[in-house]
Amino acid sequence: MKDTVKIIGDRIRNLRTSKGWSQEELAHRANLHPSHMGRLERGEENVTLESLEKVTSALGTTLEELFRVLGNDSEYRDTSVLFSIISKLNSRSVDDQKVVLKLIDDLIQWKDK
């Protein structure tokens, strides 16, 4: 099991890269020093609530969403692909999201046969 600080750092990195931002870009938007941002993403430094609030605000997400990756049993799972899919669908209409969901359901049924 990975350390929680490392998991949160990975989660921040996944959200940042899904937006196509560099560490410097996120640091600027969050009003944090770029080297501090790098240490947060690498899990080298404990993050404060103040820094987390700045980062989540800059990313357009919530603390709840940031911590959701931990799950109920705090077991780490690589969710980078899932979050990339969510990020792409987030900007689409609900009707488009329903079409993609139907396609996913159909693909899963086909693969399970």
C-alpha atoms as a PDB file:
ATOM      1  CA  MET A   1       0.000   0.000   0.000  1.00  0.00           C
ATOM      2  CA  LYS A   2       1.318   3.426  -0.921  1.00  0.00           C
ATOM      3  CA  ASP A   3       1.655   6.195   1.580  1.00  0.00           C
ATOM      4  CA  THR A   4      -1.335   8.565   1.645  1.00  0.00           C
ATOM      5  CA  VAL A   5       0.852  11.586   0.871  1.00  0.00           C
ATOM      6  CA  LYS A   6       2.145   9.809  -2.242  1.00  0.00           C
ATOM      7  CA  ILE A   7      -1.376   8.845  -3.307  1.00  0.00           C
ATOM      8  CA  ILE A   8      -2.588  12.436  -2.991  1.00  0.00           C
ATOM      9  CA  GLY A   9       0.458  13.623  -4.942  1.00  0.00           C
ATOM     10  CA  ASP A  10      -0.308  11.124  -7.706  1.00  0.00           C
ATOM     11  CA  ARG A  11      -3.916  12.273  -7.752  1.00  0.00           C
ATOM     12  CA  ILE A  12      -2.885  15.920  -8.091  1.00  0.00           C
ATOM     13  CA  ARG A  13      -0.515  14.976 -10.938  1.00  0.00           C
ATOM     14  CA  ASN A  14      -3.252  13.011 -12.740  1.00  0.00           C
ATOM     15  CA  LEU A  15      -5.696  15.899 -12.493  1.00  0.00           C
ATOM     16  CA  ARG A  16      -3.048  18.383 -13.635  1.00  0.00           C
ATOM     17  CA  THR A  17      -1.930  16.328 -16.628  1.00  0.00           C
ATOM     18  CA  SER A  18      -5.541  15.667 -17.673  1.00  0.00           C
ATOM     19  CA  LYS A  19      -5.791  19.437 -18.138  1.00  0.00           C
ATOM     20  CA  GLY A  20      -2.542  19.526 -20.102  1.00  0.00           C
ATOM     21  CA  TRP A  21      -0.863  21.783 -17.537  1.00  0.00           C
ATOM     22  CA  SER A  22       2.748  21.784 -16.441  1.00  0.00           C
ATOM     23  CA  GLN A  23       3.634  21.793 -12.749  1.00  0.00           C
ATOM     24  CA  GLU A  24       4.597  25.433 -13.150  1.00  0.00           C
ATOM     25  CA  GLU A  25       1.182  26.272 -14.618  1.00  0.00           C
ATOM     26  CA  LEU A  26      -0.653  24.630 -11.714  1.00  0.00           C
ATOM     27  CA  ALA A  27       1.697  26.226  -9.188  1.00  0.00           C
ATOM     28  CA  HIS A  28       1.002  29.641 -10.716  1.00  0.00           C
ATOM     29  CA  ARG A  29      -2.764  29.104 -10.736  1.00  0.00           C
ATOM     30  CA  ALA A  30      -2.662  27.840  -7.121  1.00  0.00           C
ATOM     31  CA  ASN A  31      -0.334  30.638  -5.987  1.00  0.00           C
ATOM     32  CA  LEU A  32       2.291  28.131  -4.806  1.00  0.00           C
ATOM     33  CA  HIS A  33       6.014  27.928  -5.540  1.00  0.00           C
ATOM     34  CA  PRO A  34       6.763  25.494  -8.403  1.00  0.00           C
ATOM     35  CA  SER A  35       9.319  23.547  -6.348  1.00  0.00           C
ATOM     36  CA  HIS A  36       6.715  23.130  -3.586  1.00  0.00           C
ATOM     37  CA  MET A  37       4.244  21.813  -6.176  1.00  0.00           C
ATOM     38  CA  GLY A  38       6.823  19.290  -7.386  1.00  0.00           C
ATOM     39  CA  ARG A  39       7.437  18.042  -3.852  1.00  0.00           C
ATOM     40  CA  LEU A  40       3.674  17.709  -3.277  1.00  0.00           C
ATOM     41  CA  GLU A  41       3.195  15.660  -6.442  1.00  0.00           C
ATOM     42  CA  ARG A  42       6.109  13.384  -5.594  1.00  0.00           C
ATOM     43  CA  GLY A  43       4.782  12.838  -2.062  1.00  0.00           C
ATOM     44  CA  GLU A  44       7.977  14.208  -0.571  1.00  0.00           C
ATOM     45  CA  GLU A  45       6.236  16.730   1.616  1.00  0.00           C
ATOM     46  CA  ASN A  46       3.137  16.670   3.777  1.00  0.00           C
ATOM     47  CA  VAL A  47       0.503  18.891   2.295  1.00  0.00           C
ATOM     48  CA  THR A  48      -1.388  21.436   4.374  1.00  0.00           C
ATOM     49  CA  LEU A  49      -5.118  22.006   4.084  1.00  0.00           C
ATOM     50  CA  GLU A  50      -4.370  25.517   2.870  1.00  0.00           C
ATOM     51  CA  SER A  51      -2.224  24.166   0.005  1.00  0.00           C
ATOM     52  CA  LEU A  52      -4.819  21.498  -0.824  1.00  0.00           C
ATOM     53  CA  GLU A  53      -7.554  24.123  -1.004  1.00  0.00           C
ATOM     54  CA  LYS A  54      -5.426  26.241  -3.348  1.00  0.00           C
ATOM     55  CA  VAL A  55      -4.616  23.259  -5.565  1.00  0.00           C
ATOM     56  CA  THR A  56      -8.185  21.930  -5.756  1.00  0.00           C
ATOM     57  CA  SER A  57      -9.520  25.412  -6.471  1.00  0.00           C
ATOM     58  CA  ALA A  58      -6.979  25.880  -9.268  1.00  0.00           C
ATOM     59  CA  LEU A  59      -7.883  22.456 -10.696  1.00  0.00           C
ATOM     60  CA  GLY A  60     -11.604  23.220 -10.518  1.00  0.00           C
ATOM     61  CA  THR A  61     -12.299  20.262  -8.239  1.00  0.00           C
ATOM     62  CA  THR A  62     -13.152  19.678  -4.599  1.00  0.00           C
ATOM     63  CA  LEU A  63     -11.352  18.182  -1.627  1.00  0.00           C
ATOM     64  CA  GLU A  64     -13.962  15.419  -1.664  1.00  0.00           C
ATOM     65  CA  GLU A  65     -13.087  14.515  -5.252  1.00  0.00           C
ATOM     66  CA  LEU A  66      -9.380  14.664  -4.512  1.00  0.00           C
ATOM     67  CA  PHE A  67      -9.713  12.201  -1.620  1.00  0.00           C
ATOM     68  CA  ARG A  68     -12.235   9.952  -3.369  1.00  0.00           C
ATOM     69  CA  VAL A  69      -9.325   8.069  -4.941  1.00  0.00           C
ATOM     70  CA  LEU A  70      -8.502   6.595  -1.531  1.00  0.00           C
ATOM     71  CA  GLY A  71     -11.688   4.544  -1.438  1.00  0.00           C
ATOM     72  CA  ASN A  72     -13.196   2.958   1.628  1.00  0.00           C
ATOM     73  CA  ASP A  73     -10.247   0.758   2.528  1.00  0.00           C
ATOM     74  CA  SER A  74      -7.470   3.221   1.600  1.00  0.00           C
ATOM     75  CA  GLU A  75      -6.119   0.694  -0.921  1.00  0.00           C
ATOM     76  CA  TYR A  76      -4.352   2.481  -3.755  1.00  0.00           C
ATOM     77  CA  ARG A  77      -5.507   1.888  -7.302  1.00  0.00           C
ATOM     78  CA  ASP A  78      -4.129   3.585 -10.389  1.00  0.00           C
ATOM     79  CA  THR A  79      -7.114   5.592 -11.545  1.00  0.00           C
ATOM     80  CA  SER A  80      -5.358   7.815 -14.085  1.00  0.00           C
ATOM     81  CA  VAL A  81      -7.246   6.318 -17.070  1.00  0.00           C
ATOM     82  CA  LEU A  82     -10.574   6.591 -15.281  1.00  0.00           C
ATOM     83  CA  PHE A  83      -9.949  10.233 -14.393  1.00  0.00           C
ATOM     84  CA  SER A  84      -8.858  10.984 -17.943  1.00  0.00           C
ATOM     85  CA  ILE A  85     -12.142   9.564 -19.229  1.00  0.00           C
ATOM     86  CA  ILE A  86     -14.112  11.569 -16.659  1.00  0.00           C
ATOM     87  CA  SER A  87     -12.222  14.727 -17.558  1.00  0.00           C
ATOM     88  CA  LYS A  88     -13.019  14.303 -21.256  1.00  0.00           C
ATOM     89  CA  LEU A  89     -16.685  13.560 -20.605  1.00  0.00           C
ATOM     90  CA  ASN A  90     -17.116  16.349 -18.072  1.00  0.00           C
ATOM     91  CA  SER A  91     -17.203  18.999 -20.788  1.00  0.00           C
ATOM     92  CA  ARG A  92     -19.737  17.109 -22.903  1.00  0.00           C
ATOM     93  CA  SER A  93     -23.508  17.350 -22.703  1.00  0.00           C
ATOM     94  CA  VAL A  94     -25.509  14.894 -20.621  1.00  0.00           C
ATOM     95  CA  ASP A  95     -26.887  13.422 -23.856  1.00  0.00           C
ATOM     96  CA  ASP A  96     -23.335  12.817 -25.133  1.00  0.00           C
ATOM     97  CA  GLN A  97     -22.406  11.250 -21.787  1.00  0.00           C
ATOM     98  CA  LYS A  98     -25.385   8.890 -22.050  1.00  0.00           C
ATOM     99  CA  VAL A  99     -24.313   7.834 -25.557  1.00  0.00           C
ATOM    100  CA  VAL A 100     -20.790   7.059 -24.305  1.00  0.00           C
ATOM    101  CA  LEU A 101     -22.195   5.148 -21.322  1.00  0.00           C
ATOM    102  CA  LYS A 102     -24.326   3.043 -23.681  1.00  0.00           C
ATOM    103  CA  LEU A 103     -21.260   2.342 -25.830  1.00  0.00           C
ATOM    104  CA  ILE A 104     -19.287   1.286 -22.752  1.00  0.00           C
ATOM    105  CA  ASP A 105     -22.113  -1.003 -21.610  1.00  0.00           C
ATOM    106  CA  ASP A 106     -22.288  -2.579 -25.077  1.00  0.00           C
ATOM    107  CA  LEU A 107     -18.518  -3.057 -25.223  1.00  0.00           C
ATOM    108  CA  ILE A 108     -18.414  -4.669 -21.790  1.00  0.00           C
ATOM    109  CA  GLN A 109     -21.227  -7.064 -22.701  1.00  0.00           C
ATOM    110  CA  TRP A 110     -19.476  -7.941 -25.972  1.00  0.00           C
ATOM    111  CA  LYS A 111     -16.128  -8.511 -24.235  1.00  0.00           C
ATOM    112  CA  ASP A 112     -17.696 -10.664 -21.504  1.00  0.00           C
ATOM    113  CA  LYS A 113     -19.205 -13.060 -24.059  1.00  0.00           C
END
